[in-house]
Every structure is written in C-alpha cells, then in structure tokens.
Amino acid sequence: RQHQRLCRQPSPVLRPPAGRLLASAVLAATAHADTVSVAVASNFTAPMQKIAQEFARDTGHQAQLSFGSTGKFYAQIHNGAPFGVLLSADAVTPEKLAREGKADAASRITYAIGKLVLWSKDSTYVDEQGEVLKANHFQHLAIANPRLAPYGLAAEQTLRKLGLLDAVQPKFVQGENIGQTYQFVATGNAQLGFVALSQVMQDGRISAGSGWIVPETMHEPIRQDAIVLNQARDNAAAQALMRYLQGDKARTIISAYGYGF
C-alpha cells in the first residue's frame, strides 16, 4: 500500500530559470521579425529616422529607409524597384499606384499633413509675415520643382495667390526635391526659399535662421499618404509599420516636426 501511495504522487514540474524564459521569448519574437524596404519622401527624413528606431525597438521589425523625391520613387517603382512601402509627399501618387495595380488600395493611410515655410539661414532676413517677398531685394529664391514635388507646387500656389509669381520667377533656383531645395538655402546659394517646416523645426520652433510659416489657406493641403506596395502585401513588417505610423508614439514624433494630421 505504501508503494501504491508513492506511485500516485504527481511528478515534480521542472521550470526553467526566469532568464531562460526571457531569452526564449526574445528568440521567438526575433524569429517572427521581418524587414521592409521603405521609400520615404525627403521632407520626412528626420522624423522617419526616429520613428524607424522606435519601430525596431518596439516591434523587432526593421524598416530599411531610402529618401528622395516622390516623383522619382514613382518612376523607380514602375521600373521594378524593390520597395515594400511608400511614404509619399502627396496623396496623388499612392492613389495612382493603387489605380495602376502596383499597390494595395486598402492599405492607404494619411500619415501627416505637411506645412510650408519661407526660410532663410539668416536670423533677420525673413519677417513673420513674409513681406520680404514683396520687397523682392533677394537674388535667388529656392523652390522645389512644382511638377515633381508637392512642396514646390504649394510654393508656386502661394506665390500666385500673393500675385508675385511673375515677379519672382526669374530668380528661382529649382531643386528636384525639397531636400535639395533646403540645401540651396542652407549653403547660401539662395538667400531664402520655400522648404518643409519639418526641415527647420526642432522642439516645436524654428531652430535656426528666420522663417514665415505659410498659412494653409495659401495653398492646397499637403496631404502625405503611405501605401503598401504589391510585393509587401504579406510582409509582416510592412503591415506593422502602417499600424505604427498611426500610433501615439509615432504621432508625437511627427507633431514635434511641425506636421498635422
């Protein structure tokens, strides 16, 4: 009987050390992590670099970033560039890619509303009302190509609304994207120029130089949309990134660079 009672006693449960459990969880998460190649409009360079770091830390997924003009990305995607997600500088390009069967229309989101600023690296050059444009004493005005860059189109619309387009157009120094346009002003090749507020804002204010934040009523909204391209429909990192862009942490970063939603 004693032998029978001993046999009925349950076997002890062996539990691995807590450290081993944590390591196993990390390995399991890593095993399901994925990587996605992301084409990012150049105006969104600084915030997206921060977002990608937080995204990797929070999800284990990796976002490999390429920066450039939306117009060039559109051409590259049509030529088979291996991008999984496009963060466009406009709403038109993602819509067009979806219509052409190159992207998943259902995945499309607006991740930011861009803001335009007339900026100079000289801290006293641009007044807060943009009257410097009417004075027209500058030699060069930097602007992104309106046919390729939404911020360039917004700048052109602003000048037309002010009735100044014909007067200042001969002084244009044109960049192929907003990144190059910013460089023209930052290096002094143009005394002032229309750039993205995100390029000159830090901690909620223009961090250097002087600027006039263009009222949004002066141009069409700079709605920036993101979309998942066909080759990443089943990519876990692509799907996770689209969700992350709409989360509180990403939106806090986006807001800090002067964007709206």
Protein backbone atom coordinates (compact mmCIF):
# COMPACT_ATOMS: atom_id res chain seq x y z
CA ARG A 1 0.00 0.00 0.00
CA GLN A 2 2.79 2.38 0.80
CA HIS A 3 4.27 1.63 -2.59
CA GLN A 4 0.92 2.40 -4.26
CA ARG A 5 0.57 5.70 -2.42
CA LEU A 6 4.03 6.71 -3.55
CA CYS A 7 3.19 5.89 -7.15
CA ARG A 8 0.10 8.09 -7.07
CA GLN A 9 2.08 11.21 -6.08
CA PRO A 10 2.44 13.60 -9.05
CA SER A 11 5.84 14.07 -10.63
CA PRO A 12 7.51 17.42 -9.83
CA VAL A 13 7.17 20.14 -12.52
CA LEU A 14 10.56 21.34 -13.73
CA ARG A 15 10.55 25.07 -14.57
CA PRO A 16 13.39 26.73 -16.48
CA PRO A 17 15.09 29.70 -14.86
CA ALA A 18 13.43 33.10 -15.45
CA GLY A 19 16.37 34.28 -17.55
CA ARG A 20 15.96 31.34 -19.89
CA LEU A 21 12.25 32.13 -20.31
CA LEU A 22 13.06 35.73 -21.24
CA ALA A 23 15.70 34.61 -23.74
CA SER A 24 13.22 32.20 -25.30
CA ALA A 25 10.65 34.97 -25.66
CA VAL A 26 13.19 37.23 -27.35
CA LEU A 27 14.22 34.47 -29.72
CA ALA A 28 10.60 33.75 -30.56
CA ALA A 29 9.93 37.41 -31.34
CA THR A 30 13.09 37.62 -33.46
CA ALA A 31 12.09 34.53 -35.39
CA HIS A 32 8.85 36.27 -36.46
CA ALA A 33 10.51 39.65 -37.18
CA ASP A 34 10.64 40.85 -40.75
CA THR A 35 12.29 43.61 -42.78
CA VAL A 36 10.64 46.03 -45.19
CA SER A 37 12.24 48.45 -47.65
CA VAL A 38 10.60 51.88 -47.33
CA ALA A 39 10.72 54.73 -49.85
CA VAL A 40 10.38 57.97 -47.88
CA ALA A 41 9.71 61.47 -49.21
CA SER A 42 12.75 63.61 -48.44
CA ASN A 43 10.77 66.14 -46.36
CA PHE A 44 10.05 63.34 -43.88
CA THR A 45 13.69 62.30 -43.41
CA ALA A 46 14.28 63.42 -39.80
CA PRO A 47 11.03 62.17 -38.25
CA MET A 48 11.16 58.86 -40.12
CA GLN A 49 14.68 58.14 -38.90
CA LYS A 50 13.44 58.49 -35.32
CA ILE A 51 10.28 56.52 -35.99
CA ALA A 52 12.25 53.66 -37.55
CA GLN A 53 14.44 53.39 -34.45
CA GLU A 54 11.42 53.24 -32.14
CA PHE A 55 9.64 50.85 -34.50
CA ALA A 56 12.56 48.40 -34.38
CA ARG A 57 12.80 48.68 -30.59
CA ASP A 58 9.08 48.18 -30.03
CA THR A 59 8.28 45.51 -32.63
CA GLY A 60 11.52 43.77 -33.57
CA HIS A 61 10.81 44.53 -37.24
CA GLN A 62 13.26 46.52 -39.35
CA ALA A 63 12.48 49.35 -41.78
CA GLN A 64 15.23 49.94 -44.35
CA LEU A 65 14.87 53.58 -45.42
CA SER A 66 15.56 55.29 -48.75
CA PHE A 67 14.98 59.04 -49.10
CA GLY A 68 14.19 61.02 -52.24
CA SER A 69 11.56 62.75 -54.33
CA THR A 70 8.13 61.17 -54.63
CA GLY A 71 8.20 61.63 -58.40
CA LYS A 72 11.43 59.65 -58.73
CA PHE A 73 10.18 56.92 -56.42
CA TYR A 74 7.07 56.58 -58.58
CA ALA A 75 9.26 56.02 -61.65
CA GLN A 76 11.51 53.56 -59.80
CA ILE A 77 8.53 51.53 -58.58
CA HIS A 78 7.29 51.23 -62.15
CA ASN A 79 10.76 50.03 -63.14
CA GLY A 80 10.67 47.27 -60.52
CA ALA A 81 12.46 48.87 -57.54
CA PRO A 82 12.09 46.50 -54.55
CA PHE A 83 10.23 48.84 -52.20
CA GLY A 84 7.59 47.46 -49.87
CA VAL A 85 6.09 50.70 -48.56
CA LEU A 86 5.92 54.23 -49.98
CA LEU A 87 5.68 57.25 -47.68
CA SER A 88 4.72 59.82 -50.25
CA ALA A 89 4.91 63.62 -50.09
CA ASP A 90 1.43 63.77 -51.59
CA ALA A 91 -1.86 61.90 -51.79
CA VAL A 92 -1.95 61.64 -55.59
CA THR A 93 0.97 59.25 -56.09
CA PRO A 94 -0.24 56.44 -53.77
CA GLU A 95 -3.71 56.73 -55.28
CA LYS A 96 -2.23 56.46 -58.77
CA LEU A 97 -0.13 53.41 -57.83
CA ALA A 98 -3.21 51.69 -56.42
CA ARG A 99 -5.21 52.51 -59.54
CA GLU A 100 -2.42 51.12 -61.72
CA GLY A 101 -2.36 47.85 -59.77
CA LYS A 102 1.03 48.48 -58.17
CA ALA A 103 -0.16 48.87 -54.57
CA ASP A 104 -2.82 47.73 -52.12
CA ALA A 105 -5.55 50.41 -52.14
CA ALA A 106 -6.99 49.18 -48.83
CA SER A 107 -3.69 49.85 -47.02
CA ARG A 108 -3.51 53.55 -47.88
CA ILE A 109 -3.39 55.99 -44.95
CA THR A 110 -2.67 59.70 -44.41
CA TYR A 111 0.31 59.78 -42.05
CA ALA A 112 0.90 63.55 -41.98
CA ILE A 113 -0.23 66.94 -43.27
CA GLY A 114 2.81 68.94 -44.32
CA LYS A 115 3.46 72.63 -43.66
CA LEU A 116 5.36 75.04 -45.88
CA VAL A 117 7.76 77.72 -44.62
CA LEU A 118 9.66 80.53 -46.33
CA TRP A 119 13.07 80.23 -44.68
CA SER A 120 16.50 81.84 -44.60
CA LYS A 121 19.55 80.79 -42.63
CA ASP A 122 20.00 84.49 -41.77
CA SER A 123 18.16 85.08 -38.48
CA THR A 124 16.97 88.55 -39.54
CA TYR A 125 16.19 88.05 -43.24
CA VAL A 126 12.61 86.69 -43.30
CA ASP A 127 9.91 88.56 -41.39
CA GLU A 128 6.97 86.77 -39.77
CA GLN A 129 4.50 87.96 -42.45
CA GLY A 130 6.65 87.13 -45.50
CA GLU A 131 6.83 90.75 -46.63
CA VAL A 132 10.39 90.07 -47.81
CA LEU A 133 8.85 88.52 -50.93
CA LYS A 134 7.12 91.77 -51.88
CA ALA A 135 10.32 93.77 -51.34
CA ASN A 136 11.98 91.47 -53.92
CA HIS A 137 15.52 92.53 -53.00
CA PHE A 138 16.90 89.00 -52.96
CA GLN A 139 18.95 87.50 -55.80
CA HIS A 140 17.75 83.89 -55.60
CA LEU A 141 14.66 82.15 -54.26
CA ALA A 142 14.86 78.38 -53.84
CA ILE A 143 11.82 76.30 -54.73
CA ALA A 144 11.31 72.59 -55.37
CA ASN A 145 10.23 71.53 -58.85
CA PRO A 146 6.42 72.01 -58.82
CA ARG A 147 5.98 69.17 -61.33
CA LEU A 148 7.77 66.65 -59.09
CA ALA A 149 7.49 67.93 -55.51
CA PRO A 150 4.23 68.73 -53.68
CA TYR A 151 6.02 71.35 -51.57
CA GLY A 152 7.17 73.05 -54.77
CA LEU A 153 3.59 73.06 -56.05
CA ALA A 154 2.41 74.55 -52.76
CA ALA A 155 5.09 77.26 -53.02
CA GLU A 156 4.02 78.10 -56.57
CA GLN A 157 0.36 78.29 -55.48
CA THR A 158 1.35 80.60 -52.61
CA LEU A 159 3.23 82.98 -54.89
CA ARG A 160 0.35 83.00 -57.37
CA LYS A 161 -2.13 83.82 -54.59
CA LEU A 162 0.12 86.67 -53.44
CA GLY A 163 0.27 87.95 -57.03
CA LEU A 164 4.07 87.64 -57.01
CA LEU A 165 4.76 84.62 -59.21
CA ASP A 166 5.65 86.50 -62.39
CA ALA A 167 7.84 88.99 -60.49
CA VAL A 168 9.98 86.46 -58.64
CA GLN A 169 10.01 83.52 -61.07
CA PRO A 170 13.20 84.74 -62.86
CA LYS A 171 15.00 84.42 -59.51
CA PHE A 172 14.07 80.78 -58.92
CA VAL A 173 16.75 78.26 -58.02
CA GLN A 174 14.93 74.98 -58.52
CA GLY A 175 15.64 71.77 -56.64
CA GLU A 176 14.45 68.41 -57.88
CA ASN A 177 13.10 67.68 -54.38
CA ILE A 178 12.61 69.50 -51.10
CA GLY A 179 15.85 68.07 -49.69
CA GLN A 180 17.93 69.66 -52.44
CA THR A 181 15.92 72.88 -52.13
CA TYR A 182 16.76 73.08 -48.44
CA GLN A 183 20.46 72.62 -49.25
CA PHE A 184 20.37 75.60 -51.64
CA VAL A 185 19.24 77.83 -48.76
CA ALA A 186 21.35 76.22 -46.03
CA THR A 187 24.54 76.65 -48.07
CA GLY A 188 23.75 80.26 -49.03
CA ASN A 189 23.29 79.59 -52.75
CA ALA A 190 19.88 81.18 -52.28
CA GLN A 191 19.15 83.86 -49.70
CA LEU A 192 15.77 82.29 -48.95
CA GLY A 193 13.49 79.53 -50.13
CA PHE A 194 10.30 77.58 -49.63
CA VAL A 195 11.06 74.41 -47.65
CA ALA A 196 9.21 71.95 -45.43
CA LEU A 197 8.69 73.19 -41.88
CA SER A 198 9.95 69.80 -40.67
CA GLN A 199 13.40 70.57 -42.10
CA VAL A 200 13.92 73.62 -39.89
CA MET A 201 11.80 72.86 -36.82
CA GLN A 202 13.10 71.39 -33.59
CA ASP A 203 11.30 71.18 -30.24
CA GLY A 204 8.27 72.98 -31.64
CA ARG A 205 10.05 76.05 -33.07
CA ILE A 206 12.26 77.10 -35.97
CA SER A 207 15.65 76.13 -34.62
CA ALA A 208 17.89 78.39 -36.73
CA GLY A 209 17.59 81.27 -39.16
CA SER A 210 14.29 83.06 -39.78
CA GLY A 211 11.03 81.99 -41.35
CA TRP A 212 7.45 82.72 -42.30
CA ILE A 213 5.15 79.73 -41.78
CA VAL A 214 2.85 79.93 -44.79
CA PRO A 215 -0.85 79.89 -43.83
CA GLU A 216 -2.50 76.70 -45.05
CA THR A 217 -5.14 78.81 -46.81
CA MET A 218 -2.49 79.94 -49.30
CA HIS A 219 -2.20 76.55 -50.99
CA GLU A 220 -3.83 73.17 -51.35
CA PRO A 221 -3.32 70.86 -48.35
CA ILE A 222 -0.03 68.96 -48.45
CA ARG A 223 -1.57 65.62 -47.53
CA GLN A 224 1.07 62.92 -47.26
CA ASP A 225 -0.15 59.35 -47.77
CA ALA A 226 1.53 55.99 -47.24
CA ILE A 227 0.68 52.76 -49.03
CA VAL A 228 1.85 49.13 -49.09
CA LEU A 229 3.17 48.09 -52.48
CA ASN A 230 2.19 44.76 -54.00
CA GLN A 231 5.36 42.85 -53.19
CA ALA A 232 4.91 43.56 -49.46
CA ARG A 233 1.23 42.58 -49.12
CA ASP A 234 2.24 39.58 -46.99
CA ASN A 235 5.20 41.24 -45.28
CA ALA A 236 4.64 41.41 -41.51
CA ALA A 237 6.98 44.39 -41.12
CA ALA A 238 5.07 46.39 -43.75
CA GLN A 239 1.73 45.78 -42.04
CA ALA A 240 3.21 46.56 -38.62
CA LEU A 241 4.77 49.80 -39.87
CA MET A 242 1.46 51.08 -41.23
CA ARG A 243 -0.15 50.47 -37.84
CA TYR A 244 2.82 52.03 -36.02
CA LEU A 245 2.61 55.25 -38.06
CA GLN A 246 -0.90 55.78 -36.69
CA GLY A 247 0.09 55.09 -33.07
CA ASP A 248 0.69 57.60 -30.29
CA LYS A 249 4.49 57.31 -30.24
CA ALA A 250 4.89 57.96 -33.97
CA ARG A 251 2.38 60.80 -33.91
CA THR A 252 4.23 62.50 -31.04
CA ILE A 253 7.41 62.44 -33.16
CA ILE A 254 5.56 63.65 -36.26
CA SER A 255 3.95 66.55 -34.37
CA ALA A 256 7.31 67.62 -32.97
CA TYR A 257 8.45 68.34 -36.54
CA GLY A 258 5.52 70.62 -37.29
CA TYR A 259 3.23 68.25 -39.15
CA GLY A 260 -0.52 68.00 -38.65
CA PHE A 261 -2.87 65.05 -39.15
